[in-house]
Amino acid sequence: MRRRPRLPARLPLDPYVLALLATVGLAALLPARGPAATVADGASTAAVALLFFLYGARLSTREALDGLRHWRLHVTVLACTFVLFPLLGLAARGLVPTLLTQPLYSGLLFLCLVPSTVQSSIAFTSIARGNVPAAICAGSFSSLAGIVLTPLLAAGLLGADAGGFSPDSLVKIVVQLLLPFLLGQALRRWVGGFLVRHKKALGYVDRGSILLVVYAAFSAGMAAGVWHRVSLPHLGALLAVEAVLLAVMLLVTWYGAGRLGFGREDRIAIQFAGSKKSLAAGLPMASVLFGAQAGLAVLPLMLFHQMQLMVCAVLARRRARDPEAVGGELPPGRVAEVSPPAQHPAPQGR
């Protein structure tokens, strides 16, 4: 008789999400106003540019090109992230205004346009004994594609809520997102070694920059009075809708990958890379696209981020206990890349 897998003793409550919530609370109690708001907005703009410069400088072009050999898997993940997710987001429009307000729906649709995660997709794929190298490449490709696709999809599908295709919006996208990223790629040859040596310290720079972006966005939202449009019933409905969205994507990525002929390890990588959304990439993009409405627009993404961590932590450990994973043999060369579930730390931040 098959023993029922136990749930992990502690579900991953991401400390960074707690820091984000504390920042939101600070913005609610002490929002930046007047000259302070101008300073916060300027600092937020610089922080976004710095984040995307670092994203570009860290991405190894050689590793990305090497990963193209498994192109079917990467195309599948990209289709889940930038085709299936947006279609489900558009289908949710029918929930307005009965379950969701228009601002919350805009945030939900924006969530569906954000690229996949990198770190947590890799971590959960490793815990579940999946194809870790494929998860690394799939997450990197998704992040790279999201630099261009997410702003363009948001401008096209969200319309006036995200600035549409106005010249000012396109200039912001190019100046604050694309140019810093390309500059980072161009300078990677000279700064890449420094970034690797100071990876831990720069991680704090990443997180601190995003906290600054969140504070500026939520301060602007307080000044504009956007939070008066949110009620507890609507927040509860948003959580329920996001739970259904995550469940659908987890099922589609697992069974759909099976129907496409992928093996177990590839299906695991597709499931965790194709069903997740990046908080680290979405927050700075929202600050550029939504302006004063960014605080409310990123709320669905923040809630979905924590939900996906908790659900995928349970799912990854269950996959690791499958008879095929425990009793089967791993492909040659894969043993050193997969960590036992008990030894792998819970993913943080992205």
Protein backbone atom coordinates (compact mmCIF):
# COMPACT_ATOMS: atom_id res chain seq x y z
CA MET A 1 0.00 0.00 0.00
CA ARG A 2 1.39 3.37 -1.00
CA ARG A 3 2.10 5.59 1.93
CA ARG A 4 0.50 9.00 1.73
CA PRO A 5 3.19 11.72 1.56
CA ARG A 6 3.35 14.04 4.53
CA LEU A 7 3.11 17.77 4.14
CA PRO A 8 6.28 19.70 5.01
CA ALA A 9 6.45 20.75 8.64
CA ARG A 10 6.84 24.39 7.68
CA LEU A 11 5.42 26.02 4.61
CA PRO A 12 7.71 28.68 3.11
CA LEU A 13 6.56 32.09 4.25
CA ASP A 14 8.94 34.19 2.21
CA PRO A 15 10.74 36.71 4.51
CA TYR A 16 11.02 39.05 1.56
CA VAL A 17 7.25 39.11 1.17
CA LEU A 18 7.06 40.11 4.84
CA ALA A 19 9.54 42.92 4.11
CA LEU A 20 7.38 44.01 1.17
CA LEU A 21 4.28 44.05 3.37
CA ALA A 22 6.15 46.09 5.98
CA THR A 23 7.12 48.55 3.25
CA VAL A 24 3.49 48.80 2.17
CA GLY A 25 2.54 49.50 5.80
CA LEU A 26 5.18 52.22 6.02
CA ALA A 27 3.86 53.83 2.82
CA ALA A 28 0.33 53.73 4.25
CA LEU A 29 1.37 55.36 7.54
CA LEU A 30 4.06 57.72 6.24
CA PRO A 31 3.60 58.23 2.49
CA ALA A 32 6.05 60.46 0.65
CA ARG A 33 4.40 63.79 -0.17
CA GLY A 34 5.48 67.04 -1.79
CA PRO A 35 9.28 67.33 -2.23
CA ALA A 36 9.77 63.94 -0.55
CA ALA A 37 7.54 62.35 -3.20
CA THR A 38 9.67 63.92 -5.94
CA VAL A 39 12.83 62.52 -4.36
CA ALA A 40 11.24 59.09 -3.89
CA ASP A 41 10.04 59.04 -7.50
CA GLY A 42 13.50 59.95 -8.81
CA ALA A 43 15.16 57.34 -6.60
CA SER A 44 12.63 54.75 -7.76
CA THR A 45 13.39 55.52 -11.41
CA ALA A 46 17.12 55.12 -10.78
CA ALA A 47 16.51 51.88 -8.86
CA VAL A 48 14.54 50.38 -11.76
CA ALA A 49 17.33 51.26 -14.20
CA LEU A 50 19.92 49.74 -11.85
CA LEU A 51 17.89 46.52 -11.48
CA PHE A 52 17.65 45.97 -15.23
CA PHE A 53 21.32 46.84 -15.71
CA LEU A 54 22.19 44.11 -13.20
CA TYR A 55 19.79 41.67 -14.89
CA GLY A 56 21.59 42.25 -18.20
CA ALA A 57 25.07 42.03 -16.70
CA ARG A 58 24.32 38.73 -14.95
CA LEU A 59 22.74 36.88 -17.88
CA SER A 60 25.33 34.65 -19.53
CA THR A 61 24.74 34.75 -23.27
CA ARG A 62 26.85 31.62 -23.74
CA GLU A 63 24.80 29.60 -21.24
CA ALA A 64 21.58 30.79 -22.85
CA LEU A 65 22.78 29.72 -26.31
CA ASP A 66 23.88 26.34 -24.98
CA GLY A 67 20.41 25.79 -23.59
CA LEU A 68 18.81 26.18 -27.01
CA ARG A 69 19.52 22.51 -27.67
CA HIS A 70 16.39 21.71 -25.64
CA TRP A 71 14.32 24.17 -27.63
CA ARG A 72 11.00 22.25 -27.45
CA LEU A 73 10.95 22.52 -23.66
CA HIS A 74 11.79 26.23 -23.71
CA VAL A 75 9.14 26.99 -26.34
CA THR A 76 6.60 25.13 -24.18
CA VAL A 77 7.49 27.19 -21.10
CA LEU A 78 7.39 30.45 -23.07
CA ALA A 79 3.99 29.50 -24.52
CA CYS A 80 2.65 28.84 -21.01
CA THR A 81 4.06 32.12 -19.69
CA PHE A 82 3.24 34.52 -22.50
CA VAL A 83 0.30 32.84 -24.31
CA LEU A 84 -1.72 30.61 -21.98
CA PHE A 85 -1.41 32.81 -18.90
CA PRO A 86 -2.54 35.97 -20.79
CA LEU A 87 -5.47 34.07 -22.34
CA LEU A 88 -6.63 33.00 -18.88
CA GLY A 89 -6.20 36.58 -17.70
CA LEU A 90 -8.37 37.85 -20.54
CA ALA A 91 -10.99 35.21 -19.75
CA ALA A 92 -11.17 36.55 -16.18
CA ARG A 93 -12.54 39.84 -17.53
CA GLY A 94 -15.99 38.32 -17.14
CA LEU A 95 -15.52 38.53 -13.34
CA VAL A 96 -15.72 42.35 -13.48
CA PRO A 97 -17.56 43.90 -11.68
CA THR A 98 -19.31 41.05 -9.85
CA LEU A 99 -16.21 39.59 -8.18
CA LEU A 100 -13.35 41.93 -9.06
CA THR A 101 -13.10 45.67 -9.45
CA GLN A 102 -11.54 47.01 -12.64
CA PRO A 103 -8.27 48.07 -10.89
CA LEU A 104 -7.87 44.62 -9.30
CA TYR A 105 -8.60 42.95 -12.62
CA SER A 106 -5.94 45.13 -14.29
CA GLY A 107 -3.46 43.92 -11.67
CA LEU A 108 -4.54 40.31 -12.24
CA LEU A 109 -4.07 40.66 -15.99
CA PHE A 110 -0.66 42.27 -15.45
CA LEU A 111 0.28 39.30 -13.25
CA CYS A 112 -0.49 37.01 -16.20
CA LEU A 113 1.95 38.96 -18.41
CA VAL A 114 4.98 38.84 -16.08
CA PRO A 115 7.88 36.45 -16.92
CA SER A 116 8.59 33.27 -14.99
CA THR A 117 10.86 33.05 -11.97
CA VAL A 118 14.44 31.84 -12.07
CA GLN A 119 15.61 30.97 -8.54
CA SER A 120 12.45 29.36 -7.18
CA SER A 121 11.79 27.42 -10.42
CA ILE A 122 15.27 25.94 -10.16
CA ALA A 123 14.89 25.20 -6.45
CA PHE A 124 11.56 23.41 -6.79
CA THR A 125 12.73 21.49 -9.87
CA SER A 126 15.75 20.29 -7.90
CA ILE A 127 13.64 19.29 -4.89
CA ALA A 128 11.29 17.31 -7.16
CA ARG A 129 14.25 15.59 -8.91
CA GLY A 130 13.56 17.18 -12.26
CA ASN A 131 15.69 18.53 -15.11
CA VAL A 132 17.59 21.28 -13.32
CA PRO A 133 19.67 22.55 -16.30
CA ALA A 134 16.49 22.89 -18.34
CA ALA A 135 14.85 24.86 -15.52
CA ILE A 136 17.86 27.21 -15.41
CA CYS A 137 17.68 27.89 -19.13
CA ALA A 138 13.88 28.12 -19.21
CA GLY A 139 13.84 30.70 -16.41
CA SER A 140 16.61 32.71 -18.07
CA PHE A 141 14.87 32.69 -21.46
CA SER A 142 11.59 33.75 -19.86
CA SER A 143 13.25 36.63 -18.02
CA LEU A 144 15.01 37.75 -21.19
CA ALA A 145 11.83 37.58 -23.28
CA GLY A 146 9.88 39.39 -20.55
CA ILE A 147 12.08 42.48 -20.88
CA VAL A 148 10.37 43.11 -24.21
CA LEU A 149 7.17 41.04 -24.19
CA THR A 150 5.74 42.05 -20.80
CA PRO A 151 5.68 45.83 -21.44
CA LEU A 152 4.37 45.35 -24.98
CA LEU A 153 1.66 42.91 -23.92
CA ALA A 154 0.69 45.19 -21.03
CA ALA A 155 0.48 48.20 -23.33
CA GLY A 156 -1.64 46.27 -25.82
CA LEU A 157 -3.96 44.36 -23.46
CA LEU A 158 -4.30 46.82 -20.59
CA GLY A 159 -4.72 49.89 -22.78
CA ALA A 160 -5.14 53.14 -20.86
CA ASP A 161 -4.45 51.42 -17.51
CA ALA A 162 -0.85 50.89 -18.57
CA GLY A 163 -0.39 53.94 -20.73
CA GLY A 164 -1.28 52.34 -24.06
CA PHE A 165 1.11 52.93 -26.94
CA SER A 166 1.68 56.62 -26.19
CA PRO A 167 5.15 57.96 -27.06
CA ASP A 168 5.76 58.79 -23.39
CA SER A 169 5.07 55.20 -22.30
CA LEU A 170 7.32 53.74 -24.99
CA VAL A 171 10.12 56.15 -24.06
CA LYS A 172 9.85 55.09 -20.41
CA ILE A 173 9.99 51.42 -21.36
CA VAL A 174 13.06 51.92 -23.53
CA VAL A 175 14.94 54.27 -21.18
CA GLN A 176 14.19 52.57 -17.86
CA LEU A 177 14.05 48.92 -18.90
CA LEU A 178 15.56 48.06 -22.27
CA LEU A 179 18.57 50.39 -22.46
CA PRO A 180 19.92 49.51 -18.97
CA PHE A 181 19.50 45.81 -19.77
CA LEU A 182 21.37 46.13 -23.07
CA LEU A 183 24.07 48.19 -21.37
CA GLY A 184 24.50 45.46 -18.77
CA GLN A 185 24.87 42.86 -21.53
CA ALA A 186 27.42 45.04 -23.33
CA LEU A 187 29.51 45.55 -20.17
CA ARG A 188 29.18 41.99 -18.86
CA ARG A 189 32.66 41.13 -20.13
CA TRP A 190 34.17 43.67 -17.75
CA VAL A 191 31.76 43.67 -14.79
CA GLY A 192 30.65 40.03 -14.80
CA GLY A 193 33.49 38.85 -12.58
CA PHE A 194 32.83 41.61 -10.05
CA LEU A 195 29.14 40.68 -9.90
CA VAL A 196 29.97 37.02 -9.29
CA ARG A 197 32.42 37.85 -6.50
CA HIS A 198 29.93 40.13 -4.77
CA LYS A 199 26.79 38.15 -5.51
CA LYS A 200 25.54 38.17 -1.91
CA ALA A 201 25.99 41.92 -1.43
CA LEU A 202 24.34 42.69 -4.76
CA GLY A 203 21.42 40.52 -3.72
CA TYR A 204 20.74 43.05 -0.97
CA VAL A 205 20.99 45.82 -3.57
CA ASP A 206 18.35 44.01 -5.66
CA ARG A 207 15.97 43.61 -2.74
CA GLY A 208 16.56 47.09 -1.39
CA SER A 209 15.91 48.61 -4.81
CA ILE A 210 12.62 46.76 -5.14
CA LEU A 211 11.57 47.86 -1.65
CA LEU A 212 12.26 51.45 -2.69
CA VAL A 213 10.16 50.96 -5.84
CA VAL A 214 7.31 49.53 -3.75
CA TYR A 215 7.44 52.40 -1.25
CA ALA A 216 7.33 55.01 -4.01
CA ALA A 217 4.50 53.21 -5.83
CA PHE A 218 2.34 52.73 -2.74
CA SER A 219 3.02 56.30 -1.57
CA ALA A 220 1.77 57.58 -4.93
CA GLY A 221 -1.26 55.32 -4.58
CA MET A 222 -2.03 56.74 -1.14
CA ALA A 223 -1.78 60.27 -2.48
CA ALA A 224 -4.11 59.38 -5.36
CA GLY A 225 -6.58 57.64 -3.04
CA VAL A 226 -6.57 54.34 -4.93
CA TRP A 227 -6.92 52.22 -1.76
CA HIS A 228 -10.40 53.54 -1.07
CA ARG A 229 -11.53 51.36 -3.99
CA VAL A 230 -10.49 48.07 -2.33
CA SER A 231 -12.74 46.10 0.03
CA LEU A 232 -12.19 42.89 1.99
CA PRO A 233 -14.78 40.92 -0.07
CA HIS A 234 -12.99 41.91 -3.26
CA LEU A 235 -9.63 40.86 -1.78
CA GLY A 236 -11.11 37.51 -0.82
CA ALA A 237 -12.47 37.06 -4.33
CA LEU A 238 -9.05 37.95 -5.75
CA LEU A 239 -7.38 35.25 -3.64
CA ALA A 240 -9.94 32.68 -4.80
CA VAL A 241 -9.44 33.61 -8.46
CA GLU A 242 -5.67 33.39 -8.10
CA ALA A 243 -5.95 29.97 -6.44
CA VAL A 244 -7.97 28.72 -9.42
CA LEU A 245 -5.48 30.31 -11.84
CA LEU A 246 -2.52 28.59 -10.16
CA ALA A 247 -4.33 25.23 -10.02
CA VAL A 248 -5.20 25.39 -13.73
CA MET A 249 -1.63 26.23 -14.73
CA LEU A 250 -0.14 23.47 -12.56
CA LEU A 251 -2.50 20.92 -14.11
CA VAL A 252 -2.03 22.13 -17.68
CA THR A 253 1.76 22.27 -17.47
CA TRP A 254 1.99 18.76 -15.98
CA TYR A 255 -0.55 16.86 -18.09
CA GLY A 256 -0.04 18.98 -21.19
CA ALA A 257 3.72 18.32 -21.12
CA GLY A 258 2.94 14.62 -20.81
CA ARG A 259 0.70 14.73 -23.88
CA LEU A 260 3.51 16.47 -25.78
CA GLY A 261 5.79 13.51 -25.10
CA PHE A 262 8.12 14.97 -22.48
CA GLY A 263 9.66 12.64 -19.88
CA ARG A 264 9.12 12.96 -16.14
CA GLU A 265 12.12 15.19 -15.43
CA ASP A 266 11.27 17.57 -18.27
CA ARG A 267 7.62 17.68 -17.15
CA ILE A 268 8.76 18.77 -13.69
CA ALA A 269 10.86 21.59 -15.14
CA ILE A 270 7.97 22.69 -17.37
CA GLN A 271 5.51 22.60 -14.49
CA PHE A 272 7.55 24.74 -12.12
CA ALA A 273 8.91 27.16 -14.73
CA GLY A 274 5.66 27.46 -16.68
CA SER A 275 3.27 28.02 -13.76
CA LYS A 276 5.16 30.68 -11.80
CA LYS A 277 5.52 34.44 -11.99
CA SER A 278 8.45 36.65 -11.00
CA LEU A 279 7.85 39.22 -8.28
CA ALA A 280 11.33 40.70 -8.77
CA ALA A 281 10.73 41.37 -12.48
CA GLY A 282 7.09 42.42 -12.17
CA LEU A 283 7.40 45.09 -9.47
CA PRO A 284 9.80 47.44 -11.27
CA MET A 285 7.95 46.97 -14.57
CA ALA A 286 4.68 47.93 -12.91
CA SER A 287 6.20 51.12 -11.51
CA VAL A 288 7.11 52.16 -15.06
CA LEU A 289 3.85 51.10 -16.71
CA PHE A 290 1.22 52.12 -14.13
CA GLY A 291 2.62 55.21 -12.42
CA ALA A 292 0.43 56.25 -9.46
CA GLN A 293 -1.74 53.15 -9.96
CA ALA A 294 1.23 50.79 -9.53
CA GLY A 295 0.56 50.10 -5.84
CA LEU A 296 -2.82 48.55 -6.53
CA ALA A 297 -1.65 46.93 -9.77
CA VAL A 298 1.08 44.87 -8.06
CA LEU A 299 -1.13 43.62 -5.21
CA PRO A 300 -2.33 40.54 -7.17
CA LEU A 301 1.28 39.71 -8.08
CA MET A 302 2.42 39.93 -4.44
CA LEU A 303 -0.39 37.62 -3.30
CA PHE A 304 0.20 35.16 -6.15
CA HIS A 305 3.93 35.05 -5.39
CA GLN A 306 3.39 33.85 -1.84
CA MET A 307 0.66 31.43 -2.91
CA GLN A 308 2.87 29.80 -5.56
CA LEU A 309 5.71 29.34 -3.05
CA MET A 310 3.48 27.56 -0.55
CA VAL A 311 1.71 25.33 -3.07
CA CYS A 312 4.84 24.44 -5.05
CA ALA A 313 6.75 23.60 -1.85
CA VAL A 314 4.16 20.91 -1.08
CA LEU A 315 4.01 19.73 -4.70
CA ALA A 316 7.80 19.51 -5.13
CA ARG A 317 8.21 17.33 -2.05
CA ARG A 318 5.39 15.11 -3.24
CA ARG A 319 7.01 14.72 -6.66
CA ALA A 320 10.29 13.78 -4.94
CA ARG A 321 8.51 10.90 -3.17
CA ASP A 322 6.97 9.47 -6.34
CA PRO A 323 8.04 5.83 -6.90
CA GLU A 324 9.50 6.83 -10.27
CA ALA A 325 11.75 9.41 -8.56
CA VAL A 326 12.68 7.35 -5.50
CA GLY A 327 13.07 3.95 -7.11
CA GLY A 328 14.04 4.89 -10.64
CA GLU A 329 17.48 5.71 -11.94
CA LEU A 330 18.53 9.22 -12.82
CA PRO A 331 20.09 9.90 -16.20
CA PRO A 332 23.90 9.96 -16.33
CA GLY A 333 25.39 13.23 -15.11
CA ARG A 334 22.22 14.30 -13.29
CA VAL A 335 23.06 12.98 -9.81
CA ALA A 336 25.35 15.85 -8.89
CA GLU A 337 22.74 18.42 -9.97
CA VAL A 338 19.88 17.20 -7.78
CA SER A 339 19.78 17.79 -4.06
CA PRO A 340 17.83 15.67 -1.55
CA PRO A 341 14.65 17.45 -0.47
CA ALA A 342 15.71 17.81 3.14
CA GLN A 343 18.92 19.60 2.20
CA HIS A 344 17.51 22.18 -0.20
CA PRO A 345 16.65 25.60 1.25
CA ALA A 346 13.31 27.21 0.57
CA PRO A 347 13.54 29.69 -2.33
CA GLN A 348 13.53 33.34 -1.48
CA GLY A 349 12.60 36.57 -3.17
CA ARG A 350 11.88 35.86 -6.84
